[in-house]
Amino acid sequence: MKSLFLIIGAPGSGKTTDAEIIAKNNENIAHYSTGELLRAEVASGSELGLIIGKRMSAGELVPVEVALNTIVNAINKSQNDIILIDGYPRSSEQMLGLDTILQKEKNIILKSVIEVEVSEETAMNRVLGRNRGADDNIEIFKNRMDVYNKPLKGIQKFYISKKILHKISGENEIEAVVKEMQKHIELT
């Protein structure tokens, strides 16, 4: 049985960095970033990668079935029993799609959804300061924040009703956030 932890948060919340550190320090934990999985497909130059790249460069979500297939493939291929996936879900459709798949999958259990909370100011300063690519500019950032914030209340409500939403402040130092997140994963 694989234990799944979803990590959500605004662009620049630190969710990917936090999950990377936890996975690096724990050989029984695998980490997949939805964004990195999708960027790898773009880098492959495939037809699907071109579609994904166009959507991502505009700060838009990729089609639900593309994101779902990417995530489920990563989980199923993993040799680890604990899986961290950050950056998913980012819409109600993604959330409900994953919920439907997980109801059918007998070897995967969603243990918790961890929300890393930061202010919009902190998120913007981090995103614009990292200079990772063409999508790290103010216009794209604002669009990405809108895309993140629009469905957030519904996503929170859904996972609160399942009693699996756990919030962590991403305003703290990385070490403190990682420690709190890892403790939650170990206790869940």
Protein backbone atom coordinates (compact mmCIF):
# COMPACT_ATOMS: atom_id res chain seq x y z
CA MET A 1 0.00 0.00 0.00
CA LYS A 2 1.38 3.39 -1.03
CA SER A 3 0.73 6.41 1.19
CA LEU A 4 0.13 9.58 -0.81
CA PHE A 5 0.65 13.11 0.49
CA LEU A 6 -0.37 16.04 -1.70
CA ILE A 7 1.36 19.36 -1.05
CA ILE A 8 -0.41 22.48 -2.25
CA GLY A 9 0.55 26.12 -2.00
CA ALA A 10 0.85 29.30 -4.00
CA PRO A 11 3.66 29.73 -6.52
CA GLY A 12 6.72 30.55 -4.41
CA SER A 13 5.33 28.97 -1.23
CA GLY A 14 8.34 26.63 -1.01
CA LYS A 15 6.32 23.43 -1.41
CA THR A 16 8.72 21.89 -3.95
CA THR A 17 11.86 22.74 -1.99
CA ASP A 18 10.34 21.42 1.25
CA ALA A 19 9.28 18.13 -0.36
CA GLU A 20 12.66 17.72 -2.11
CA ILE A 21 14.51 18.04 1.20
CA ILE A 22 12.23 15.54 2.94
CA ALA A 23 12.62 12.99 0.14
CA LYS A 24 16.39 13.50 0.02
CA ASN A 25 16.67 12.87 3.77
CA ASN A 26 14.36 9.81 3.77
CA GLU A 27 15.12 6.95 1.40
CA ASN A 28 11.60 5.51 1.83
CA ILE A 29 9.96 8.72 0.53
CA ALA A 30 9.64 9.68 -3.14
CA HIS A 31 8.88 13.22 -4.27
CA TYR A 32 7.35 14.33 -7.54
CA SER A 33 6.67 17.91 -8.49
CA THR A 34 3.78 18.20 -10.90
CA GLY A 35 5.49 21.20 -12.48
CA GLU A 36 8.77 19.33 -12.94
CA LEU A 37 7.04 16.28 -14.41
CA LEU A 38 5.24 18.52 -16.88
CA ARG A 39 8.38 20.55 -17.69
CA ALA A 40 10.19 17.27 -18.44
CA GLU A 41 7.49 16.44 -20.98
CA VAL A 42 7.92 19.89 -22.54
CA ALA A 43 11.69 19.38 -22.71
CA SER A 44 11.17 16.06 -24.51
CA GLY A 45 9.82 18.02 -27.50
CA SER A 46 6.86 15.68 -27.87
CA GLU A 47 3.54 16.80 -29.32
CA LEU A 48 2.06 16.58 -25.83
CA GLY A 49 5.02 18.62 -24.55
CA LEU A 50 4.22 21.39 -27.03
CA ILE A 51 0.63 21.58 -25.77
CA ILE A 52 1.80 21.60 -22.15
CA GLY A 53 4.48 24.22 -22.86
CA LYS A 54 2.02 26.59 -24.48
CA ARG A 55 -0.34 26.36 -21.49
CA MET A 56 2.42 26.65 -18.89
CA SER A 57 4.12 29.64 -20.53
CA ALA A 58 0.81 31.51 -20.26
CA GLY A 59 0.46 30.52 -16.59
CA GLU A 60 -2.56 28.33 -17.36
CA LEU A 61 -3.39 24.81 -16.16
CA VAL A 62 -2.73 21.85 -18.42
CA PRO A 63 -5.68 19.60 -19.34
CA VAL A 64 -6.91 17.57 -16.35
CA GLU A 65 -6.37 14.18 -17.98
CA VAL A 66 -2.76 15.09 -18.81
CA ALA A 67 -1.97 16.07 -15.22
CA LEU A 68 -3.78 13.00 -13.83
CA ASN A 69 -1.98 10.57 -16.13
CA THR A 70 1.36 12.17 -15.27
CA ILE A 71 0.76 11.80 -11.52
CA VAL A 72 -0.70 8.29 -11.56
CA ASN A 73 2.18 7.07 -13.77
CA ALA A 74 4.72 8.55 -11.34
CA ILE A 75 3.04 6.91 -8.32
CA ASN A 76 2.74 3.52 -9.97
CA LYS A 77 6.36 3.52 -11.17
CA SER A 78 7.73 4.54 -7.76
CA GLN A 79 9.54 1.94 -5.68
CA ASN A 80 8.74 3.91 -2.52
CA ASP A 81 5.79 3.42 -0.17
CA ILE A 82 5.46 7.10 0.75
CA ILE A 83 4.87 9.50 -2.13
CA LEU A 84 4.90 13.30 -1.94
CA ILE A 85 3.36 15.14 -4.88
CA ASP A 86 3.49 18.89 -4.84
CA GLY A 87 1.50 21.31 -6.94
CA TYR A 88 -1.59 19.13 -7.21
CA PRO A 89 -4.53 19.58 -7.29
CA ARG A 90 -4.80 23.09 -8.66
CA SER A 91 -8.45 22.96 -9.69
CA SER A 92 -11.69 21.34 -8.56
CA GLU A 93 -11.63 19.22 -11.72
CA GLN A 94 -8.14 17.94 -10.91
CA MET A 95 -9.19 17.25 -7.31
CA LEU A 96 -12.34 15.34 -8.29
CA GLY A 97 -10.50 13.47 -11.06
CA LEU A 98 -7.84 12.29 -8.63
CA ASP A 99 -10.48 11.38 -6.04
CA THR A 100 -12.28 9.22 -8.63
CA ILE A 101 -9.03 7.45 -9.58
CA LEU A 102 -8.04 6.89 -5.94
CA GLN A 103 -11.41 5.29 -5.19
CA LYS A 104 -10.58 2.66 -7.83
CA GLU A 105 -6.88 2.26 -6.93
CA LYS A 106 -6.61 -0.26 -4.11
CA ASN A 107 -2.86 0.18 -3.60
CA ILE A 108 -2.83 3.97 -3.03
CA ILE A 109 -4.29 5.80 -0.04
CA LEU A 110 -4.40 9.60 0.21
CA LYS A 111 -3.19 10.21 3.76
CA SER A 112 -3.08 14.01 3.82
CA VAL A 113 -3.19 17.22 1.83
CA ILE A 114 -0.62 19.66 3.21
CA GLU A 115 -1.20 23.32 2.40
CA VAL A 116 1.89 25.54 2.66
CA GLU A 117 0.53 29.03 3.32
CA VAL A 118 2.39 32.25 2.43
CA SER A 119 1.34 35.82 1.81
CA GLU A 120 1.05 36.99 -1.79
CA GLU A 121 3.92 39.41 -1.13
CA THR A 122 6.22 36.59 0.03
CA ALA A 123 5.19 34.42 -2.91
CA MET A 124 5.84 37.21 -5.42
CA ASN A 125 9.25 38.08 -3.96
CA ARG A 126 10.31 34.43 -4.09
CA VAL A 127 9.04 33.78 -7.63
CA LEU A 128 10.49 36.94 -9.13
CA GLY A 129 13.77 36.37 -7.26
CA ARG A 130 14.38 32.82 -8.47
CA ASN A 131 14.62 33.71 -12.17
CA ARG A 132 13.92 30.09 -13.19
CA GLY A 133 12.38 30.78 -16.56
CA ALA A 134 10.16 32.84 -18.82
CA ASP A 135 7.15 32.24 -16.58
CA ASP A 136 8.80 34.07 -13.65
CA ASN A 137 7.61 37.61 -14.39
CA ILE A 138 5.02 39.83 -12.68
CA GLU A 139 2.25 39.38 -15.26
CA ILE A 140 2.54 35.59 -15.33
CA PHE A 141 2.89 35.53 -11.52
CA LYS A 142 -0.38 37.44 -11.07
CA ASN A 143 -2.12 35.06 -13.48
CA ARG A 144 -0.70 32.05 -11.65
CA MET A 145 -1.89 33.47 -8.31
CA ASP A 146 -5.39 33.96 -9.74
CA VAL A 147 -5.36 30.40 -11.12
CA TYR A 148 -4.23 29.15 -7.67
CA ASN A 149 -6.64 31.25 -5.58
CA LYS A 150 -9.88 30.80 -7.57
CA PRO A 151 -10.49 27.13 -6.68
CA LEU A 152 -8.65 27.17 -3.32
CA LYS A 153 -11.68 27.54 -1.02
CA GLY A 154 -13.47 24.63 -2.73
CA ILE A 155 -10.35 22.46 -2.54
CA GLN A 156 -9.88 23.31 1.14
CA LYS A 157 -13.56 22.57 1.89
CA PHE A 158 -13.39 19.20 0.09
CA TYR A 159 -10.31 18.01 1.99
CA ILE A 160 -11.53 19.45 5.31
CA SER A 161 -14.69 17.36 4.88
CA LYS A 162 -12.44 14.28 4.49
CA LYS A 163 -10.48 15.42 7.59
CA ILE A 164 -7.15 15.29 5.74
CA LEU A 165 -6.23 18.98 5.20
CA HIS A 166 -3.22 20.12 7.24
CA LYS A 167 -1.92 23.70 7.02
CA ILE A 168 1.67 24.78 7.58
CA SER A 169 3.04 28.33 7.52
CA GLY A 170 5.54 28.70 4.69
CA GLU A 171 6.61 32.08 6.07
CA ASN A 172 9.05 30.38 8.45
CA GLU A 173 12.62 29.37 7.64
CA ILE A 174 12.95 26.35 5.34
CA GLU A 175 14.34 24.16 8.13
CA ALA A 176 11.32 24.85 10.37
CA VAL A 177 8.82 24.21 7.56
CA VAL A 178 10.56 20.96 6.57
CA LYS A 179 10.66 19.80 10.20
CA GLU A 180 6.95 20.47 10.70
CA MET A 181 6.00 18.84 7.39
CA GLN A 182 8.15 15.77 8.03
CA LYS A 183 6.71 15.36 11.54
CA HIS A 184 3.18 15.49 10.08
CA ILE A 185 4.07 12.87 7.46
CA GLU A 186 5.58 10.57 10.09
CA LEU A 187 2.55 10.88 12.39
CA THR A 188 -0.10 10.44 9.70
